[in-house]
Amino acid sequence: KIAYKGTEAIEKAVGEYKDIIMNETLADSLEVKEVQGEEFDLNGEITKIGIEKV
């Protein structure tokens, strides 16, 4: 499972590439929500990403 919370630009980009991201990471879900994850700077867009093993 992958959960993330980012800016509107990040949410739009992830939405466009959701299938590719899930395929490359072997995730069974990819959702936008408040997350207790690590914070990353993705091209100036601050994003929190959490990964949970299922």
PDB file of N, CA and C in Angstrom:
ATOM      1  N   LYS A   1       0.835  -1.175   0.000  1.00  0.00           N
ATOM      2  CA  LYS A   1       0.000   0.000   0.000  1.00  0.00           C
ATOM      3  C   LYS A   1       0.879   1.237   0.000  1.00  0.00           C
ATOM      4  N   ILE A   2       0.502   2.201  -0.804  1.00  0.00           N
ATOM      5  CA  ILE A   2       1.183   3.484  -0.798  1.00  0.00           C
ATOM      6  C   ILE A   2       0.140   4.561  -0.548  1.00  0.00           C
ATOM      7  N   ALA A   3       0.440   5.433   0.389  1.00  0.00           N
ATOM      8  CA  ALA A   3      -0.415   6.582   0.659  1.00  0.00           C
ATOM      9  C   ALA A   3       0.459   7.821   0.572  1.00  0.00           C
ATOM     10  N   TYR A   4      -0.130   8.909   0.122  1.00  0.00           N
ATOM     11  CA  TYR A   4       0.635  10.139  -0.001  1.00  0.00           C
ATOM     12  C   TYR A   4      -0.266  11.341   0.212  1.00  0.00           C
ATOM     13  N   LYS A   5       0.357  12.441   0.560  1.00  0.00           N
ATOM     14  CA  LYS A   5      -0.344  13.717   0.678  1.00  0.00           C
ATOM     15  C   LYS A   5       0.607  14.776   0.156  1.00  0.00           C
ATOM     16  N   GLY A   6       0.193  15.444  -0.898  1.00  0.00           N
ATOM     17  CA  GLY A   6       1.052  16.453  -1.498  1.00  0.00           C
ATOM     18  C   GLY A   6       0.253  17.622  -2.018  1.00  0.00           C
ATOM     19  N   THR A   7       0.903  18.420  -2.796  1.00  0.00           N
ATOM     20  CA  THR A   7       0.259  19.589  -3.380  1.00  0.00           C
ATOM     21  C   THR A   7      -0.704  19.152  -4.482  1.00  0.00           C
ATOM     22  N   GLU A   8      -1.474  20.100  -4.954  1.00  0.00           N
ATOM     23  CA  GLU A   8      -2.416  19.821  -6.039  1.00  0.00           C
ATOM     24  C   GLU A   8      -1.676  19.313  -7.282  1.00  0.00           C
ATOM     25  N   ALA A   9      -0.505  19.882  -7.554  1.00  0.00           N
ATOM     26  CA  ALA A   9       0.281  19.454  -8.719  1.00  0.00           C
ATOM     27  C   ALA A   9       0.717  17.995  -8.580  1.00  0.00           C
ATOM     28  N   ILE A  10       1.128  17.598  -7.388  1.00  0.00           N
ATOM     29  CA  ILE A  10       1.541  16.209  -7.150  1.00  0.00           C
ATOM     30  C   ILE A  10       0.348  15.279  -7.293  1.00  0.00           C
ATOM     31  N   GLU A  11      -0.786  15.654  -6.721  1.00  0.00           N
ATOM     32  CA  GLU A  11      -1.976  14.806  -6.815  1.00  0.00           C
ATOM     33  C   GLU A  11      -2.407  14.628  -8.266  1.00  0.00           C
ATOM     34  N   LYS A  12      -2.301  15.680  -9.064  1.00  0.00           N
ATOM     35  CA  LYS A  12      -2.651  15.589 -10.480  1.00  0.00           C
ATOM     36  C   LYS A  12      -1.677  14.661 -11.215  1.00  0.00           C
ATOM     37  N   ALA A  13      -0.382  14.826 -10.965  1.00  0.00           N
ATOM     38  CA  ALA A  13       0.627  14.000 -11.630  1.00  0.00           C
ATOM     39  C   ALA A  13       0.482  12.530 -11.249  1.00  0.00           C
ATOM     40  N   VAL A  14       0.284  12.260  -9.969  1.00  0.00           N
ATOM     41  CA  VAL A  14       0.118  10.871  -9.526  1.00  0.00           C
ATOM     42  C   VAL A  14      -1.145  10.280 -10.142  1.00  0.00           C
ATOM     43  N   GLY A  15      -2.197  11.063 -10.215  1.00  0.00           N
ATOM     44  CA  GLY A  15      -3.429  10.591 -10.846  1.00  0.00           C
ATOM     45  C   GLY A  15      -3.218  10.194 -12.299  1.00  0.00           C
ATOM     46  N   GLU A  16      -2.429  10.987 -13.022  1.00  0.00           N
ATOM     47  CA  GLU A  16      -2.152  10.695 -14.428  1.00  0.00           C
ATOM     48  C   GLU A  16      -1.309   9.436 -14.602  1.00  0.00           C
ATOM     49  N   TYR A  17      -0.397   9.189 -13.668  1.00  0.00           N
ATOM     50  CA  TYR A  17       0.543   8.074 -13.798  1.00  0.00           C
ATOM     51  C   TYR A  17       0.306   6.963 -12.781  1.00  0.00           C
ATOM     52  N   LYS A  18      -0.882   6.917 -12.208  1.00  0.00           N
ATOM     53  CA  LYS A  18      -1.198   5.960 -11.147  1.00  0.00           C
ATOM     54  C   LYS A  18      -0.898   4.518 -11.555  1.00  0.00           C
ATOM     55  N   ASP A  19      -1.347   4.098 -12.723  1.00  0.00           N
ATOM     56  CA  ASP A  19      -1.135   2.710 -13.153  1.00  0.00           C
ATOM     57  C   ASP A  19       0.348   2.383 -13.274  1.00  0.00           C
ATOM     58  N   ILE A  20       1.118   3.295 -13.824  1.00  0.00           N
ATOM     59  CA  ILE A  20       2.561   3.068 -13.976  1.00  0.00           C
ATOM     60  C   ILE A  20       3.228   2.991 -12.607  1.00  0.00           C
ATOM     61  N   ILE A  21       2.887   3.922 -11.719  1.00  0.00           N
ATOM     62  CA  ILE A  21       3.477   3.932 -10.373  1.00  0.00           C
ATOM     63  C   ILE A  21       3.158   2.632  -9.646  1.00  0.00           C
ATOM     64  N   MET A  22       1.901   2.203  -9.703  1.00  0.00           N
ATOM     65  CA  MET A  22       1.507   0.970  -9.016  1.00  0.00           C
ATOM     66  C   MET A  22       2.212  -0.241  -9.612  1.00  0.00           C
ATOM     67  N   ASN A  23       2.354  -0.286 -10.920  1.00  0.00           N
ATOM     68  CA  ASN A  23       3.025  -1.405 -11.576  1.00  0.00           C
ATOM     69  C   ASN A  23       4.513  -1.452 -11.204  1.00  0.00           C
ATOM     70  N   GLU A  24       5.168  -0.314 -11.240  1.00  0.00           N
ATOM     71  CA  GLU A  24       6.606  -0.263 -10.954  1.00  0.00           C
ATOM     72  C   GLU A  24       6.929  -0.537  -9.486  1.00  0.00           C
ATOM     73  N   THR A  25       6.020  -0.193  -8.582  1.00  0.00           N
ATOM     74  CA  THR A  25       6.271  -0.377  -7.149  1.00  0.00           C
ATOM     75  C   THR A  25       5.599  -1.629  -6.587  1.00  0.00           C
ATOM     76  N   LEU A  26       4.837  -2.329  -7.418  1.00  0.00           N
ATOM     77  CA  LEU A  26       4.087  -3.514  -7.011  1.00  0.00           C
ATOM     78  C   LEU A  26       3.077  -3.197  -5.904  1.00  0.00           C
ATOM     79  N   ALA A  27       2.559  -1.981  -5.912  1.00  0.00           N
ATOM     80  CA  ALA A  27       1.570  -1.564  -4.911  1.00  0.00           C
ATOM     81  C   ALA A  27       0.197  -2.113  -5.273  1.00  0.00           C
ATOM     82  N   ASP A  28      -0.572  -2.495  -4.258  1.00  0.00           N
ATOM     83  CA  ASP A  28      -1.945  -2.945  -4.520  1.00  0.00           C
ATOM     84  C   ASP A  28      -2.938  -1.807  -4.345  1.00  0.00           C
ATOM     85  N   SER A  29      -2.481  -0.680  -3.764  1.00  0.00           N
ATOM     86  CA  SER A  29      -3.320   0.515  -3.690  1.00  0.00           C
ATOM     87  C   SER A  29      -2.426   1.749  -3.622  1.00  0.00           C
ATOM     88  N   LEU A  30      -2.971   2.838  -4.111  1.00  0.00           N
ATOM     89  CA  LEU A  30      -2.278   4.125  -4.110  1.00  0.00           C
ATOM     90  C   LEU A  30      -3.341   5.170  -3.816  1.00  0.00           C
ATOM     91  N   GLU A  31      -3.276   5.755  -2.627  1.00  0.00           N
ATOM     92  CA  GLU A  31      -4.353   6.654  -2.234  1.00  0.00           C
ATOM     93  C   GLU A  31      -3.840   7.952  -1.626  1.00  0.00           C
ATOM     94  N   VAL A  32      -4.646   8.990  -1.783  1.00  0.00           N
ATOM     95  CA  VAL A  32      -4.359  10.299  -1.202  1.00  0.00           C
ATOM     96  C   VAL A  32      -5.005  10.349   0.173  1.00  0.00           C
ATOM     97  N   LYS A  33      -4.193  10.580   1.193  1.00  0.00           N
ATOM     98  CA  LYS A  33      -4.715  10.735   2.549  1.00  0.00           C
ATOM     99  C   LYS A  33      -3.608  11.253   3.448  1.00  0.00           C
ATOM    100  N   GLU A  34      -3.998  11.733   4.617  1.00  0.00           N
ATOM    101  CA  GLU A  34      -2.995  12.138   5.604  1.00  0.00           C
ATOM    102  C   GLU A  34      -2.177  10.900   5.948  1.00  0.00           C
ATOM    103  N   VAL A  35      -0.874  11.063   6.005  1.00  0.00           N
ATOM    104  CA  VAL A  35      -0.013   9.902   6.148  1.00  0.00           C
ATOM    105  C   VAL A  35       1.097  10.177   7.157  1.00  0.00           C
ATOM    106  N   GLN A  36       1.478   9.148   7.886  1.00  0.00           N
ATOM    107  CA  GLN A  36       2.603   9.195   8.812  1.00  0.00           C
ATOM    108  C   GLN A  36       3.830   8.688   8.070  1.00  0.00           C
ATOM    109  N   GLY A  37       4.254   9.431   7.092  1.00  0.00           N
ATOM    110  CA  GLY A  37       5.373   8.973   6.279  1.00  0.00           C
ATOM    111  C   GLY A  37       6.489   9.988   6.238  1.00  0.00           C
ATOM    112  N   GLU A  38       7.451   9.694   5.401  1.00  0.00           N
ATOM    113  CA  GLU A  38       8.594  10.571   5.222  1.00  0.00           C
ATOM    114  C   GLU A  38       8.239  11.691   4.250  1.00  0.00           C
ATOM    115  N   GLU A  39       8.803  12.864   4.478  1.00  0.00           N
ATOM    116  CA  GLU A  39       8.538  14.017   3.630  1.00  0.00           C
ATOM    117  C   GLU A  39       9.626  14.122   2.563  1.00  0.00           C
ATOM    118  N   PHE A  40       9.211  14.359   1.327  1.00  0.00           N
ATOM    119  CA  PHE A  40      10.123  14.478   0.200  1.00  0.00           C
ATOM    120  C   PHE A  40       9.877  15.785  -0.539  1.00  0.00           C
ATOM    121  N   ASP A  41      10.933  16.324  -1.140  1.00  0.00           N
ATOM    122  CA  ASP A  41      10.833  17.492  -2.009  1.00  0.00           C
ATOM    123  C   ASP A  41      10.918  16.969  -3.440  1.00  0.00           C
ATOM    124  N   LEU A  42       9.782  16.964  -4.134  1.00  0.00           N
ATOM    125  CA  LEU A  42       9.724  16.477  -5.510  1.00  0.00           C
ATOM    126  C   LEU A  42       9.637  17.680  -6.440  1.00  0.00           C
ATOM    127  N   ASN A  43      10.788  18.110  -6.935  1.00  0.00           N
ATOM    128  CA  ASN A  43      10.856  19.292  -7.814  1.00  0.00           C
ATOM    129  C   ASN A  43      10.194  20.508  -7.180  1.00  0.00           C
ATOM    130  N   GLY A  44      10.451  20.723  -5.902  1.00  0.00           N
ATOM    131  CA  GLY A  44       9.912  21.880  -5.203  1.00  0.00           C
ATOM    132  C   GLY A  44       8.536  21.673  -4.598  1.00  0.00           C
ATOM    133  N   GLU A  45       7.948  20.517  -4.804  1.00  0.00           N
ATOM    134  CA  GLU A  45       6.624  20.197  -4.261  1.00  0.00           C
ATOM    135  C   GLU A  45       6.815  19.268  -3.061  1.00  0.00           C
ATOM    136  N   ILE A  46       6.470  19.753  -1.869  1.00  0.00           N
ATOM    137  CA  ILE A  46       6.640  18.946  -0.656  1.00  0.00           C
ATOM    138  C   ILE A  46       5.529  17.899  -0.584  1.00  0.00           C
ATOM    139  N   THR A  47       5.940  16.651  -0.410  1.00  0.00           N
ATOM    140  CA  THR A  47       5.010  15.520  -0.423  1.00  0.00           C
ATOM    141  C   THR A  47       5.383  14.536   0.674  1.00  0.00           C
ATOM    142  N   LYS A  48       4.390  14.040   1.398  1.00  0.00           N
ATOM    143  CA  LYS A  48       4.610  12.970   2.373  1.00  0.00           C
ATOM    144  C   LYS A  48       4.183  11.663   1.735  1.00  0.00           C
ATOM    145  N   ILE A  49       5.028  10.646   1.884  1.00  0.00           N
ATOM    146  CA  ILE A  49       4.740   9.335   1.304  1.00  0.00           C
ATOM    147  C   ILE A  49       4.902   8.279   2.385  1.00  0.00           C
ATOM    148  N   GLY A  50       3.906   7.412   2.495  1.00  0.00           N
ATOM    149  CA  GLY A  50       3.959   6.303   3.433  1.00  0.00           C
ATOM    150  C   GLY A  50       3.763   4.992   2.692  1.00  0.00           C
ATOM    151  N   ILE A  51       4.543   3.999   3.053  1.00  0.00           N
ATOM    152  CA  ILE A  51       4.457   2.682   2.419  1.00  0.00           C
ATOM    153  C   ILE A  51       4.184   1.652   3.501  1.00  0.00           C
ATOM    154  N   GLU A  52       3.210   0.797   3.248  1.00  0.00           N
ATOM    155  CA  GLU A  52       2.836  -0.244   4.201  1.00  0.00           C
ATOM    156  C   GLU A  52       2.856  -1.594   3.492  1.00  0.00           C
ATOM    157  N   LYS A  53       3.546  -2.549   4.082  1.00  0.00           N
ATOM    158  CA  LYS A  53       3.587  -3.894   3.523  1.00  0.00           C
ATOM    159  C   LYS A  53       2.261  -4.598   3.799  1.00  0.00           C
ATOM    160  N   VAL A  54       1.732  -5.284   2.786  1.00  0.00           N
ATOM    161  CA  VAL A  54       0.473  -6.022   2.955  1.00  0.00           C
ATOM    162  C   VAL A  54       0.683  -7.494   2.712  1.00  0.00           C
TER     163      VAL A  54
END
